[in-house]
Amino acid sequence: MKLRNLLSLTFVVLAVFSCKTPTNIAYFQDVKDNSKLSMENVPAITFQPMDQITINVNSRNPEISAMFNMPMQTRYVGVTSGTSSGYNQGVIGYTIDSNGDIDFPILGKIHLGGLTREQASSLIKNKLIDSKQIKDPVVTIDFLNLVVSVMGEVKLPGRYKIDRDRVTILDAISQAGDLTINGKRENVMLIRHNGKTDEVYQVDLTNMENVYNSPAFYIRQGDMIYVTPNTKRARESTSEGNTFYSPSFWISVTSVLVAVTSMILNFTK
């Protein structure tokens, strides 16, 4: 009788734990009502070697401005599914060299490495004014190859274009459709190339303070975000990986043991 009661108790305990709600799914679990986080000194993306950019100069005299602008280029697009081939027209860009420089028309070498778009625009504008070529230049700079890669347990892994100077890791994850239910919220990795080394940061999305204080909160060009799979997803790499860890399996085993024990006890009476 004691053995039978013990098995019955085991069955009840397993049933209760099988209904337990996971506690590591929700983001920002440490946030309290009316919480405030400082957003001062937010870093903007700066120009790095091998960045591709466009620089457009405008003024009241279009003929003079044209001397400082790269020509338009027509590119063959090719055949896409269900459509015919075609051409795409765009401005030829500059590629920042390994020293952080570009070769600008008439002005020559200009160092842009480490500058933000606002700083670079101001630098080129002042150089144009100092050269007495243009009195009232308006300089606009745009990135051509600003992308971030999102991989792992997200709904839409891939490479995504960064469309602003200040983009967070949350923005990038949102573009990728958010984490799947099998993504590890406590271990999102960001890999950042920094010169001759790669820096790796781990971000815990369940902790808002950890997210906002991380150097990986604001992403840079070329960053790679990898969402680690949880244990359940890792076990799915084998055909029977999750069988022995599922509550239903052990409940079934306990049920069989209870039934067999009851039969034995009834038989021995």
C-alpha atoms as a PDB file:
ATOM      1  CA  MET A   1       0.000   0.000   0.000  1.00  0.00           C
ATOM      2  CA  LYS A   2       2.861   2.411   0.820  1.00  0.00           C
ATOM      3  CA  LEU A   3       4.482   1.793  -2.566  1.00  0.00           C
ATOM      4  CA  ARG A   4       1.192   2.419  -4.303  1.00  0.00           C
ATOM      5  CA  ASN A   5       0.662   5.688  -2.457  1.00  0.00           C
ATOM      6  CA  LEU A   6       4.214   6.756  -3.271  1.00  0.00           C
ATOM      7  CA  LEU A   7       3.721   6.145  -6.981  1.00  0.00           C
ATOM      8  CA  SER A   8       0.412   7.988  -6.910  1.00  0.00           C
ATOM      9  CA  LEU A   9       2.080  10.950  -5.212  1.00  0.00           C
ATOM     10  CA  THR A  10       4.832  10.931  -7.857  1.00  0.00           C
ATOM     11  CA  PHE A  11       2.182  11.024 -10.570  1.00  0.00           C
ATOM     12  CA  VAL A  12       0.524  14.058  -8.983  1.00  0.00           C
ATOM     13  CA  VAL A  13       3.850  15.915  -8.600  1.00  0.00           C
ATOM     14  CA  LEU A  14       4.770  15.333 -12.246  1.00  0.00           C
ATOM     15  CA  ALA A  15       1.354  16.532 -13.363  1.00  0.00           C
ATOM     16  CA  VAL A  16       1.744  19.746 -11.362  1.00  0.00           C
ATOM     17  CA  PHE A  17       5.242  20.493 -12.693  1.00  0.00           C
ATOM     18  CA  SER A  18       4.197  19.769 -16.263  1.00  0.00           C
ATOM     19  CA  CYS A  19       1.867  22.763 -16.032  1.00  0.00           C
ATOM     20  CA  LYS A  20       4.569  25.110 -14.747  1.00  0.00           C
ATOM     21  CA  THR A  21       4.891  28.329 -16.788  1.00  0.00           C
ATOM     22  CA  PRO A  22       8.414  29.199 -18.054  1.00  0.00           C
ATOM     23  CA  THR A  23       9.850  32.280 -16.341  1.00  0.00           C
ATOM     24  CA  ASN A  24      12.531  33.219 -18.907  1.00  0.00           C
ATOM     25  CA  ILE A  25      10.336  34.243 -21.846  1.00  0.00           C
ATOM     26  CA  ALA A  26       9.304  37.839 -21.094  1.00  0.00           C
ATOM     27  CA  TYR A  27      11.728  40.687 -21.794  1.00  0.00           C
ATOM     28  CA  PHE A  28      12.750  43.318 -19.217  1.00  0.00           C
ATOM     29  CA  GLN A  29      11.519  41.446 -16.154  1.00  0.00           C
ATOM     30  CA  ASP A  30      13.334  43.853 -13.834  1.00  0.00           C
ATOM     31  CA  VAL A  31      11.437  46.939 -15.031  1.00  0.00           C
ATOM     32  CA  LYS A  32       9.233  48.710 -12.507  1.00  0.00           C
ATOM     33  CA  ASP A  33       6.467  51.205 -13.168  1.00  0.00           C
ATOM     34  CA  ASN A  34       7.710  54.706 -14.029  1.00  0.00           C
ATOM     35  CA  SER A  35      11.304  53.511 -14.480  1.00  0.00           C
ATOM     36  CA  LYS A  36      13.701  55.962 -16.118  1.00  0.00           C
ATOM     37  CA  LEU A  37      16.908  55.153 -17.970  1.00  0.00           C
ATOM     38  CA  SER A  38      19.435  57.796 -19.005  1.00  0.00           C
ATOM     39  CA  MET A  39      19.902  58.233 -22.761  1.00  0.00           C
ATOM     40  CA  GLU A  40      22.627  60.893 -22.560  1.00  0.00           C
ATOM     41  CA  ASN A  41      25.736  60.699 -24.718  1.00  0.00           C
ATOM     42  CA  VAL A  42      24.124  58.322 -27.196  1.00  0.00           C
ATOM     43  CA  PRO A  43      26.844  57.368 -29.711  1.00  0.00           C
ATOM     44  CA  ALA A  44      26.175  57.797 -33.418  1.00  0.00           C
ATOM     45  CA  ILE A  45      27.647  55.505 -36.053  1.00  0.00           C
ATOM     46  CA  THR A  46      31.026  56.730 -37.266  1.00  0.00           C
ATOM     47  CA  PHE A  47      32.790  56.142 -40.566  1.00  0.00           C
ATOM     48  CA  GLN A  48      35.103  53.135 -40.692  1.00  0.00           C
ATOM     49  CA  PRO A  49      37.515  51.803 -43.353  1.00  0.00           C
ATOM     50  CA  MET A  50      35.748  50.081 -46.272  1.00  0.00           C
ATOM     51  CA  ASP A  51      32.485  51.954 -45.644  1.00  0.00           C
ATOM     52  CA  GLN A  52      30.781  53.010 -48.866  1.00  0.00           C
ATOM     53  CA  ILE A  53      29.138  56.431 -48.850  1.00  0.00           C
ATOM     54  CA  THR A  54      27.618  59.022 -51.147  1.00  0.00           C
ATOM     55  CA  ILE A  55      28.371  62.749 -50.847  1.00  0.00           C
ATOM     56  CA  ASN A  56      26.078  65.265 -52.491  1.00  0.00           C
ATOM     57  CA  VAL A  57      26.927  68.965 -52.691  1.00  0.00           C
ATOM     58  CA  ASN A  58      24.245  71.568 -53.469  1.00  0.00           C
ATOM     59  CA  SER A  59      24.367  75.351 -53.741  1.00  0.00           C
ATOM     60  CA  ARG A  60      22.721  78.262 -55.510  1.00  0.00           C
ATOM     61  CA  ASN A  61      24.978  77.592 -58.482  1.00  0.00           C
ATOM     62  CA  PRO A  62      24.227  74.046 -59.743  1.00  0.00           C
ATOM     63  CA  GLU A  63      27.033  74.180 -62.310  1.00  0.00           C
ATOM     64  CA  ILE A  64      29.677  74.712 -59.641  1.00  0.00           C
ATOM     65  CA  SER A  65      28.093  72.139 -57.321  1.00  0.00           C
ATOM     66  CA  ALA A  66      28.197  69.547 -60.092  1.00  0.00           C
ATOM     67  CA  MET A  67      32.005  69.663 -60.059  1.00  0.00           C
ATOM     68  CA  PHE A  68      31.992  68.114 -56.577  1.00  0.00           C
ATOM     69  CA  ASN A  69      29.353  65.451 -57.215  1.00  0.00           C
ATOM     70  CA  MET A  70      30.008  61.971 -58.551  1.00  0.00           C
ATOM     71  CA  PRO A  71      28.192  61.100 -61.783  1.00  0.00           C
ATOM     72  CA  MET A  72      25.166  58.852 -62.009  1.00  0.00           C
ATOM     73  CA  GLN A  73      25.811  55.262 -63.021  1.00  0.00           C
ATOM     74  CA  THR A  74      23.454  52.887 -64.775  1.00  0.00           C
ATOM     75  CA  ARG A  75      23.743  49.292 -63.580  1.00  0.00           C
ATOM     76  CA  TYR A  76      22.357  46.123 -65.092  1.00  0.00           C
ATOM     77  CA  VAL A  77      19.941  44.535 -62.636  1.00  0.00           C
ATOM     78  CA  GLY A  78      19.528  41.127 -64.283  1.00  0.00           C
ATOM     79  CA  VAL A  79      16.597  38.752 -64.467  1.00  0.00           C
ATOM     80  CA  THR A  80      14.441  38.230 -61.396  1.00  0.00           C
ATOM     81  CA  SER A  81      11.760  35.582 -60.950  1.00  0.00           C
ATOM     82  CA  GLY A  82       8.792  36.324 -63.156  1.00  0.00           C
ATOM     83  CA  THR A  83      10.142  39.623 -64.472  1.00  0.00           C
ATOM     84  CA  SER A  84      12.342  40.760 -67.305  1.00  0.00           C
ATOM     85  CA  SER A  85      15.827  42.183 -66.937  1.00  0.00           C
ATOM     86  CA  GLY A  86      16.313  45.899 -66.409  1.00  0.00           C
ATOM     87  CA  TYR A  87      18.619  48.695 -65.336  1.00  0.00           C
ATOM     88  CA  ASN A  88      18.989  50.678 -62.128  1.00  0.00           C
ATOM     89  CA  GLN A  89      20.462  54.168 -61.922  1.00  0.00           C
ATOM     90  CA  GLY A  90      22.306  55.441 -58.877  1.00  0.00           C
ATOM     91  CA  VAL A  91      25.097  57.729 -57.710  1.00  0.00           C
ATOM     92  CA  ILE A  92      28.626  56.345 -57.672  1.00  0.00           C
ATOM     93  CA  GLY A  93      29.853  56.207 -54.089  1.00  0.00           C
ATOM     94  CA  TYR A  94      33.157  56.630 -52.294  1.00  0.00           C
ATOM     95  CA  THR A  95      34.902  53.800 -50.468  1.00  0.00           C
ATOM     96  CA  ILE A  96      36.784  54.906 -47.354  1.00  0.00           C
ATOM     97  CA  ASP A  97      40.313  53.505 -47.532  1.00  0.00           C
ATOM     98  CA  SER A  98      42.291  51.692 -44.820  1.00  0.00           C
ATOM     99  CA  ASN A  99      43.538  55.042 -43.479  1.00  0.00           C
ATOM    100  CA  GLY A 100      40.015  56.440 -43.170  1.00  0.00           C
ATOM    101  CA  ASP A 101      40.409  58.777 -46.169  1.00  0.00           C
ATOM    102  CA  ILE A 102      38.531  59.509 -49.379  1.00  0.00           C
ATOM    103  CA  ASP A 103      39.775  61.255 -52.509  1.00  0.00           C
ATOM    104  CA  PHE A 104      37.338  64.152 -53.008  1.00  0.00           C
ATOM    105  CA  PRO A 105      37.118  66.099 -56.276  1.00  0.00           C
ATOM    106  CA  ILE A 106      39.346  69.226 -56.348  1.00  0.00           C
ATOM    107  CA  LEU A 107      39.879  69.173 -52.553  1.00  0.00           C
ATOM    108  CA  GLY A 108      41.910  65.951 -52.629  1.00  0.00           C
ATOM    109  CA  LYS A 109      42.359  63.672 -49.603  1.00  0.00           C
ATOM    110  CA  ILE A 110      39.874  64.174 -46.777  1.00  0.00           C
ATOM    111  CA  HIS A 111      40.043  62.152 -43.558  1.00  0.00           C
ATOM    112  CA  LEU A 112      36.584  60.914 -42.495  1.00  0.00           C
ATOM    113  CA  GLY A 113      37.517  57.913 -40.329  1.00  0.00           C
ATOM    114  CA  GLY A 114      35.958  58.107 -36.861  1.00  0.00           C
ATOM    115  CA  LEU A 115      33.619  60.981 -37.779  1.00  0.00           C
ATOM    116  CA  THR A 116      29.831  60.932 -37.663  1.00  0.00           C
ATOM    117  CA  ARG A 117      27.800  61.972 -40.695  1.00  0.00           C
ATOM    118  CA  GLU A 118      27.124  65.355 -39.110  1.00  0.00           C
ATOM    119  CA  GLN A 119      30.819  65.934 -38.387  1.00  0.00           C
ATOM    120  CA  ALA A 120      31.878  64.815 -41.866  1.00  0.00           C
ATOM    121  CA  SER A 121      29.298  67.048 -43.558  1.00  0.00           C
ATOM    122  CA  SER A 122      30.498  70.030 -41.527  1.00  0.00           C
ATOM    123  CA  LEU A 123      34.146  69.261 -42.343  1.00  0.00           C
ATOM    124  CA  ILE A 124      33.575  69.082 -46.103  1.00  0.00           C
ATOM    125  CA  LYS A 125      31.361  72.183 -46.036  1.00  0.00           C
ATOM    126  CA  ASN A 126      34.075  74.222 -44.291  1.00  0.00           C
ATOM    127  CA  LYS A 127      36.748  72.967 -46.695  1.00  0.00           C
ATOM    128  CA  LEU A 128      34.595  74.005 -49.659  1.00  0.00           C
ATOM    129  CA  ILE A 129      34.072  77.476 -48.193  1.00  0.00           C
ATOM    130  CA  ASP A 130      37.780  77.846 -47.340  1.00  0.00           C
ATOM    131  CA  SER A 131      38.699  76.894 -50.906  1.00  0.00           C
ATOM    132  CA  LYS A 132      36.497  79.777 -52.122  1.00  0.00           C
ATOM    133  CA  GLN A 133      34.893  77.419 -54.623  1.00  0.00           C
ATOM    134  CA  ILE A 134      31.360  77.677 -53.173  1.00  0.00           C
ATOM    135  CA  LYS A 135      29.974  80.270 -50.802  1.00  0.00           C
ATOM    136  CA  ASP A 136      26.833  78.485 -49.655  1.00  0.00           C
ATOM    137  CA  PRO A 137      27.345  74.684 -49.903  1.00  0.00           C
ATOM    138  CA  VAL A 138      24.903  72.165 -48.456  1.00  0.00           C
ATOM    139  CA  VAL A 139      26.589  68.789 -47.988  1.00  0.00           C
ATOM    140  CA  THR A 140      24.564  65.596 -47.572  1.00  0.00           C
ATOM    141  CA  ILE A 141      26.214  62.242 -46.787  1.00  0.00           C
ATOM    142  CA  ASP A 142      24.540  58.827 -46.854  1.00  0.00           C
ATOM    143  CA  PHE A 143      25.765  55.291 -46.227  1.00  0.00           C
ATOM    144  CA  LEU A 144      25.508  52.723 -49.003  1.00  0.00           C
ATOM    145  CA  ASN A 145      26.491  49.522 -47.186  1.00  0.00           C
ATOM    146  CA  LEU A 146      25.254  49.956 -43.629  1.00  0.00           C
ATOM    147  CA  VAL A 147      23.981  46.492 -42.641  1.00  0.00           C
ATOM    148  CA  VAL A 148      23.710  44.188 -39.622  1.00  0.00           C
ATOM    149  CA  SER A 149      23.387  40.382 -39.674  1.00  0.00           C
ATOM    150  CA  VAL A 150      20.879  38.612 -37.403  1.00  0.00           C
ATOM    151  CA  MET A 151      21.199  34.833 -37.055  1.00  0.00           C
ATOM    152  CA  GLY A 152      20.078  31.968 -34.854  1.00  0.00           C
ATOM    153  CA  GLU A 153      16.690  31.621 -33.186  1.00  0.00           C
ATOM    154  CA  VAL A 154      14.839  34.505 -34.849  1.00  0.00           C
ATOM    155  CA  LYS A 155      11.881  34.266 -37.194  1.00  0.00           C
ATOM    156  CA  LEU A 156      13.578  35.905 -40.196  1.00  0.00           C
ATOM    157  CA  PRO A 157      17.383  35.556 -40.059  1.00  0.00           C
ATOM    158  CA  GLY A 158      19.317  37.592 -42.602  1.00  0.00           C
ATOM    159  CA  ARG A 159      21.153  40.838 -43.351  1.00  0.00           C
ATOM    160  CA  TYR A 160      19.265  44.053 -42.639  1.00  0.00           C
ATOM    161  CA  LYS A 161      19.979  47.612 -43.690  1.00  0.00           C
ATOM    162  CA  ILE A 162      20.559  50.213 -40.986  1.00  0.00           C
ATOM    163  CA  ASP A 163      18.536  53.274 -41.946  1.00  0.00           C
ATOM    164  CA  ARG A 164      19.493  55.601 -39.068  1.00  0.00           C
ATOM    165  CA  ASP A 165      22.666  56.736 -37.305  1.00  0.00           C
ATOM    166  CA  ARG A 166      21.410  55.382 -33.974  1.00  0.00           C
ATOM    167  CA  VAL A 167      19.958  51.872 -34.161  1.00  0.00           C
ATOM    168  CA  THR A 168      19.679  49.532 -31.181  1.00  0.00           C
ATOM    169  CA  ILE A 169      20.000  45.776 -30.900  1.00  0.00           C
ATOM    170  CA  LEU A 170      16.252  45.750 -30.204  1.00  0.00           C
ATOM    171  CA  ASP A 171      15.603  47.449 -33.561  1.00  0.00           C
ATOM    172  CA  ALA A 172      17.680  44.811 -35.349  1.00  0.00           C
ATOM    173  CA  ILE A 173      15.902  41.936 -33.594  1.00  0.00           C
ATOM    174  CA  SER A 174      12.536  43.499 -34.429  1.00  0.00           C
ATOM    175  CA  GLN A 175      13.499  43.677 -38.110  1.00  0.00           C
ATOM    176  CA  ALA A 176      14.260  39.949 -37.942  1.00  0.00           C
ATOM    177  CA  GLY A 177      10.763  39.218 -36.644  1.00  0.00           C
ATOM    178  CA  ASP A 178      11.737  38.845 -32.957  1.00  0.00           C
ATOM    179  CA  LEU A 179      13.100  35.764 -31.220  1.00  0.00           C
ATOM    180  CA  THR A 180      11.372  32.421 -31.648  1.00  0.00           C
ATOM    181  CA  ILE A 181      10.033  30.691 -28.558  1.00  0.00           C
ATOM    182  CA  ASN A 182      13.223  28.588 -28.617  1.00  0.00           C
ATOM    183  CA  GLY A 183      15.600  31.550 -28.470  1.00  0.00           C
ATOM    184  CA  LYS A 184      17.599  32.049 -25.283  1.00  0.00           C
ATOM    185  CA  ARG A 185      16.598  35.488 -24.011  1.00  0.00           C
ATOM    186  CA  GLU A 186      19.419  35.515 -21.459  1.00  0.00           C
ATOM    187  CA  ASN A 187      22.184  34.898 -23.996  1.00  0.00           C
ATOM    188  CA  VAL A 188      21.992  37.003 -27.151  1.00  0.00           C
ATOM    189  CA  MET A 189      25.493  37.451 -28.560  1.00  0.00           C
ATOM    190  CA  LEU A 190      26.744  40.400 -30.587  1.00  0.00           C
ATOM    191  CA  ILE A 191      30.026  40.024 -32.481  1.00  0.00           C
ATOM    192  CA  ARG A 192      31.712  43.277 -33.506  1.00  0.00           C
ATOM    193  CA  HIS A 193      34.774  43.618 -35.708  1.00  0.00           C
ATOM    194  CA  ASN A 194      37.116  46.207 -34.261  1.00  0.00           C
ATOM    195  CA  GLY A 195      40.263  46.652 -36.296  1.00  0.00           C
ATOM    196  CA  LYS A 196      42.275  43.438 -36.063  1.00  0.00           C
ATOM    197  CA  THR A 197      40.121  41.848 -33.357  1.00  0.00           C
ATOM    198  CA  ASP A 198      36.526  40.748 -32.856  1.00  0.00           C
ATOM    199  CA  GLU A 199      34.692  41.762 -29.691  1.00  0.00           C
ATOM    200  CA  VAL A 200      31.922  39.534 -28.301  1.00  0.00           C
ATOM    201  CA  TYR A 201      29.175  40.865 -26.036  1.00  0.00           C
ATOM    202  CA  GLN A 202      26.444  38.889 -24.279  1.00  0.00           C
ATOM    203  CA  VAL A 203      23.090  40.595 -23.751  1.00  0.00           C
ATOM    204  CA  ASP A 204      20.361  39.434 -21.353  1.00  0.00           C
ATOM    205  CA  LEU A 205      17.033  40.590 -22.794  1.00  0.00           C
ATOM    206  CA  THR A 206      15.191  39.667 -19.595  1.00  0.00           C
ATOM    207  CA  ASN A 207      17.137  42.388 -17.768  1.00  0.00           C
ATOM    208  CA  MET A 208      16.539  45.901 -19.067  1.00  0.00           C
ATOM    209  CA  GLU A 209      19.429  47.436 -17.129  1.00  0.00           C
ATOM    210  CA  ASN A 210      21.793  44.897 -18.672  1.00  0.00           C
ATOM    211  CA  VAL A 211      20.505  45.696 -22.164  1.00  0.00           C
ATOM    212  CA  TYR A 212      20.736  49.479 -21.885  1.00  0.00           C
ATOM    213  CA  ASN A 213      24.158  49.470 -20.221  1.00  0.00           C
ATOM    214  CA  SER A 214      25.722  47.064 -22.704  1.00  0.00           C
ATOM    215  CA  PRO A 215      28.215  48.374 -25.313  1.00  0.00           C
ATOM    216  CA  ALA A 216      26.159  46.267 -27.750  1.00  0.00           C
ATOM    217  CA  PHE A 217      22.946  48.247 -27.176  1.00  0.00           C
ATOM    218  CA  TYR A 218      23.688  50.593 -30.080  1.00  0.00           C
ATOM    219  CA  ILE A 219      24.794  48.549 -33.061  1.00  0.00           C
ATOM    220  CA  ARG A 220      27.406  49.482 -35.640  1.00  0.00           C
ATOM    221  CA  GLN A 221      27.905  48.627 -39.280  1.00  0.00           C
ATOM    222  CA  GLY A 222      28.885  45.006 -39.807  1.00  0.00           C
ATOM    223  CA  ASP A 223      27.711  43.780 -36.390  1.00  0.00           C
ATOM    224  CA  MET A 224      26.557  40.146 -36.205  1.00  0.00           C
ATOM    225  CA  ILE A 225      23.795  39.214 -33.758  1.00  0.00           C
ATOM    226  CA  TYR A 226      23.388  35.553 -32.831  1.00  0.00           C
ATOM    227  CA  VAL A 227      20.476  34.281 -30.745  1.00  0.00           C
ATOM    228  CA  THR A 228      21.491  31.107 -28.910  1.00  0.00           C
ATOM    229  CA  PRO A 229      19.023  28.172 -29.047  1.00  0.00           C
ATOM    230  CA  ASN A 230      17.668  26.911 -25.737  1.00  0.00           C
ATOM    231  CA  THR A 231      18.220  23.370 -24.456  1.00  0.00           C
ATOM    232  CA  LYS A 232      14.993  22.108 -25.982  1.00  0.00           C
ATOM    233  CA  ARG A 233      16.003  23.284 -29.466  1.00  0.00           C
ATOM    234  CA  ALA A 234      19.491  21.830 -29.080  1.00  0.00           C
ATOM    235  CA  ARG A 235      18.048  18.429 -28.148  1.00  0.00           C
ATOM    236  CA  GLU A 236      15.883  18.491 -31.276  1.00  0.00           C
ATOM    237  CA  SER A 237      19.017  17.889 -33.322  1.00  0.00           C
ATOM    238  CA  THR A 238      18.535  14.183 -32.462  1.00  0.00           C
ATOM    239  CA  SER A 239      15.411  12.205 -33.329  1.00  0.00           C
ATOM    240  CA  GLU A 240      14.505  11.340 -29.723  1.00  0.00           C
ATOM    241  CA  GLY A 241      16.276  14.220 -28.044  1.00  0.00           C
ATOM    242  CA  ASN A 242      13.346  15.627 -26.056  1.00  0.00           C
ATOM    243  CA  THR A 243      11.449  12.389 -25.371  1.00  0.00           C
ATOM    244  CA  PHE A 244      12.974  11.657 -21.961  1.00  0.00           C
ATOM    245  CA  TYR A 245      12.650  15.296 -20.865  1.00  0.00           C
ATOM    246  CA  SER A 246       8.950  15.735 -21.626  1.00  0.00           C
ATOM    247  CA  PRO A 247       6.511  15.623 -18.666  1.00  0.00           C
ATOM    248  CA  SER A 248       4.063  13.546 -20.714  1.00  0.00           C
ATOM    249  CA  PHE A 249       6.680  10.782 -21.089  1.00  0.00           C
ATOM    250  CA  TRP A 250       7.288  10.482 -17.362  1.00  0.00           C
ATOM    251  CA  ILE A 251       3.582  10.783 -16.560  1.00  0.00           C
ATOM    252  CA  SER A 252       2.973   7.876 -18.916  1.00  0.00           C
ATOM    253  CA  VAL A 253       5.727   5.852 -17.265  1.00  0.00           C
ATOM    254  CA  THR A 254       4.345   6.608 -13.813  1.00  0.00           C
ATOM    255  CA  SER A 255       0.842   5.624 -14.909  1.00  0.00           C
ATOM    256  CA  VAL A 256       2.112   2.271 -16.160  1.00  0.00           C
ATOM    257  CA  LEU A 257       4.037   1.683 -12.921  1.00  0.00           C
ATOM    258  CA  VAL A 258       0.990   2.523 -10.821  1.00  0.00           C
ATOM    259  CA  ALA A 259      -1.182   0.167 -12.872  1.00  0.00           C
ATOM    260  CA  VAL A 260       1.377  -2.672 -12.711  1.00  0.00           C
ATOM    261  CA  THR A 261       1.875  -2.189  -8.978  1.00  0.00           C
ATOM    262  CA  SER A 262      -1.866  -2.262  -8.376  1.00  0.00           C
ATOM    263  CA  MET A 263      -2.178  -5.507 -10.318  1.00  0.00           C
ATOM    264  CA  ILE A 264       0.687  -7.085  -8.340  1.00  0.00           C
ATOM    265  CA  LEU A 265      -0.767  -5.997  -4.995  1.00  0.00           C
ATOM    266  CA  ASN A 266      -4.222  -7.288  -5.913  1.00  0.00           C
ATOM    267  CA  PHE A 267      -2.747 -10.571  -7.092  1.00  0.00           C
ATOM    268  CA  THR A 268      -0.803 -11.129  -3.837  1.00  0.00           C
ATOM    269  CA  LYS A 269      -3.777 -10.516  -1.568  1.00  0.00           C
END
